[in-house]
Amino acid sequence: MDSGLGGESGGVVTSNIQAINVRTGQAEVVGQLPVASEGMAAVISGGKIYLLGGSGSSGNPQSAIWQFDPTTAMVYSAGSLPLPLAYAGAASVGSDILVVGGKTTGGSNSSRAIVLRQR
């Protein structure tokens, strides 16, 4: 199984969290983000999926960090980025999460690399 988290469907930004069977291509909604969002960075760390930034229906970048627990299908607030970002990259490095690049408010490209340390 793979996951689809937020995004756009038919021109509408969605809050759906989907599990996708990679063999059949069939998707099933398994949860909901608290807000509709697209362009989020996603990374797996410690068995949880972290969703970073993104943009909402207005198209403005967001700074929210969400944690999705695939074993319970629950979504939790996990803090915020130091600036709103959409379409950034993310990687798990040990117990840290690295967020790079992305679009900031006003559509400028970010050249920042942000290290998020988990406690």
Protein backbone atom coordinates (compact mmCIF):
# COMPACT_ATOMS: atom_id res chain seq x y z
CA MET A 1 0.00 0.00 0.00
CA ASP A 2 1.02 3.57 -0.69
CA SER A 3 -0.54 6.79 0.59
CA GLY A 4 -2.11 9.85 -1.00
CA LEU A 5 -2.26 12.80 1.36
CA GLY A 6 -4.32 15.84 0.45
CA GLY A 7 -3.92 17.22 -3.06
CA GLU A 8 -6.23 18.36 -5.79
CA SER A 9 -9.09 16.49 -7.42
CA GLY A 10 -11.07 18.04 -10.25
CA GLY A 11 -9.66 21.49 -9.47
CA VAL A 12 -10.69 21.31 -5.79
CA VAL A 13 -8.08 21.08 -3.01
CA THR A 14 -8.90 18.07 -0.82
CA SER A 15 -8.24 16.89 2.74
CA ASN A 16 -8.52 13.17 1.93
CA ILE A 17 -5.91 10.72 3.13
CA GLN A 18 -5.96 7.72 0.84
CA ALA A 19 -4.36 4.28 0.95
CA ILE A 20 -3.49 3.18 -2.58
CA ASN A 21 -3.01 -0.45 -3.51
CA VAL A 22 0.03 -0.24 -5.81
CA ARG A 23 -0.80 -3.56 -7.50
CA THR A 24 -4.37 -2.65 -8.48
CA GLY A 25 -4.23 1.16 -8.44
CA GLN A 26 -7.37 1.22 -6.28
CA ALA A 27 -7.58 3.99 -3.67
CA GLU A 28 -9.52 4.04 -0.42
CA VAL A 29 -10.06 7.09 1.82
CA VAL A 30 -8.68 6.16 5.27
CA GLY A 31 -8.69 9.55 7.00
CA GLN A 32 -9.03 13.31 6.72
CA LEU A 33 -6.57 16.15 7.23
CA PRO A 34 -7.96 18.96 9.42
CA VAL A 35 -7.65 21.34 6.43
CA ALA A 36 -7.66 20.85 2.68
CA SER A 37 -4.11 21.16 1.36
CA GLU A 38 -1.89 20.42 -1.63
CA GLY A 39 1.85 20.72 -2.23
CA MET A 40 2.80 19.36 1.20
CA ALA A 41 6.18 17.75 1.77
CA ALA A 42 5.83 14.27 3.27
CA VAL A 43 8.34 12.14 5.13
CA ILE A 44 8.18 8.98 7.23
CA SER A 45 9.95 9.07 10.58
CA GLY A 46 9.49 6.76 13.54
CA GLY A 47 6.61 4.93 11.84
CA LYS A 48 4.59 8.13 11.40
CA ILE A 49 4.04 10.23 8.27
CA TYR A 50 4.81 13.93 8.69
CA LEU A 51 3.12 16.43 6.37
CA LEU A 52 4.87 19.77 6.17
CA GLY A 53 3.53 23.08 4.85
CA GLY A 54 1.57 22.97 1.60
CA SER A 55 -1.01 25.41 0.33
CA GLY A 56 -4.71 25.57 1.04
CA SER A 57 -7.70 26.48 -1.10
CA SER A 58 -6.49 30.11 -1.23
CA GLY A 59 -3.19 28.99 -2.77
CA ASN A 60 -1.16 30.59 0.04
CA PRO A 61 1.68 28.54 1.58
CA GLN A 62 1.08 27.18 5.08
CA SER A 63 3.44 26.49 7.98
CA ALA A 64 1.53 23.65 9.68
CA ILE A 65 3.16 20.32 10.45
CA TRP A 66 0.77 17.35 10.73
CA GLN A 67 1.57 13.86 11.94
CA PHE A 68 -0.45 10.98 10.48
CA ASP A 69 -0.39 7.65 12.32
CA PRO A 70 -1.17 4.97 9.70
CA THR A 71 -1.95 2.36 12.38
CA THR A 72 -4.83 4.43 13.84
CA ALA A 73 -5.63 6.74 10.86
CA MET A 74 -5.41 9.68 13.29
CA VAL A 75 -3.93 13.09 12.43
CA TYR A 76 -2.24 15.24 15.07
CA SER A 77 -0.79 18.75 15.05
CA ALA A 78 3.00 18.44 15.30
CA GLY A 79 4.02 22.10 15.33
CA SER A 80 4.85 24.57 12.59
CA LEU A 81 7.60 25.43 10.19
CA PRO A 82 9.46 28.71 10.84
CA LEU A 83 7.93 30.08 7.60
CA PRO A 84 5.05 29.10 5.32
CA LEU A 85 6.23 26.73 2.54
CA ALA A 86 4.59 24.81 -0.28
CA TYR A 87 6.18 22.29 -2.67
CA ALA A 88 9.28 21.80 -0.47
CA GLY A 89 11.33 18.63 -0.32
CA ALA A 90 11.75 16.61 2.87
CA ALA A 91 13.91 13.74 4.08
CA SER A 92 14.30 11.79 7.29
CA VAL A 93 17.89 11.85 8.54
CA GLY A 94 18.23 9.73 11.66
CA SER A 95 15.62 11.11 14.04
CA ASP A 96 15.65 14.56 12.37
CA ILE A 97 13.55 15.82 9.47
CA LEU A 98 15.20 18.00 6.82
CA VAL A 99 13.00 20.39 4.81
CA VAL A 100 14.55 22.11 1.77
CA GLY A 101 13.44 24.64 -0.82
CA GLY A 102 9.80 25.23 -1.69
CA LYS A 103 7.68 28.26 -2.47
CA THR A 104 7.15 30.99 0.10
CA THR A 105 4.38 33.55 0.44
CA GLY A 106 4.30 35.64 -2.75
CA GLY A 107 5.60 32.73 -4.84
CA SER A 108 9.32 33.28 -4.18
CA ASN A 109 11.60 30.25 -4.13
CA SER A 110 13.11 29.40 -0.76
CA SER A 111 16.80 28.55 -0.58
CA ARG A 112 16.57 27.55 3.09
CA ALA A 113 17.29 24.17 4.61
CA ILE A 114 15.38 23.62 7.86
CA VAL A 115 16.26 20.88 10.36
CA LEU A 116 13.37 19.75 12.58
CA ARG A 117 14.55 17.87 15.64
CA GLN A 118 12.17 15.36 17.17
CA ARG A 119 12.04 15.07 20.93
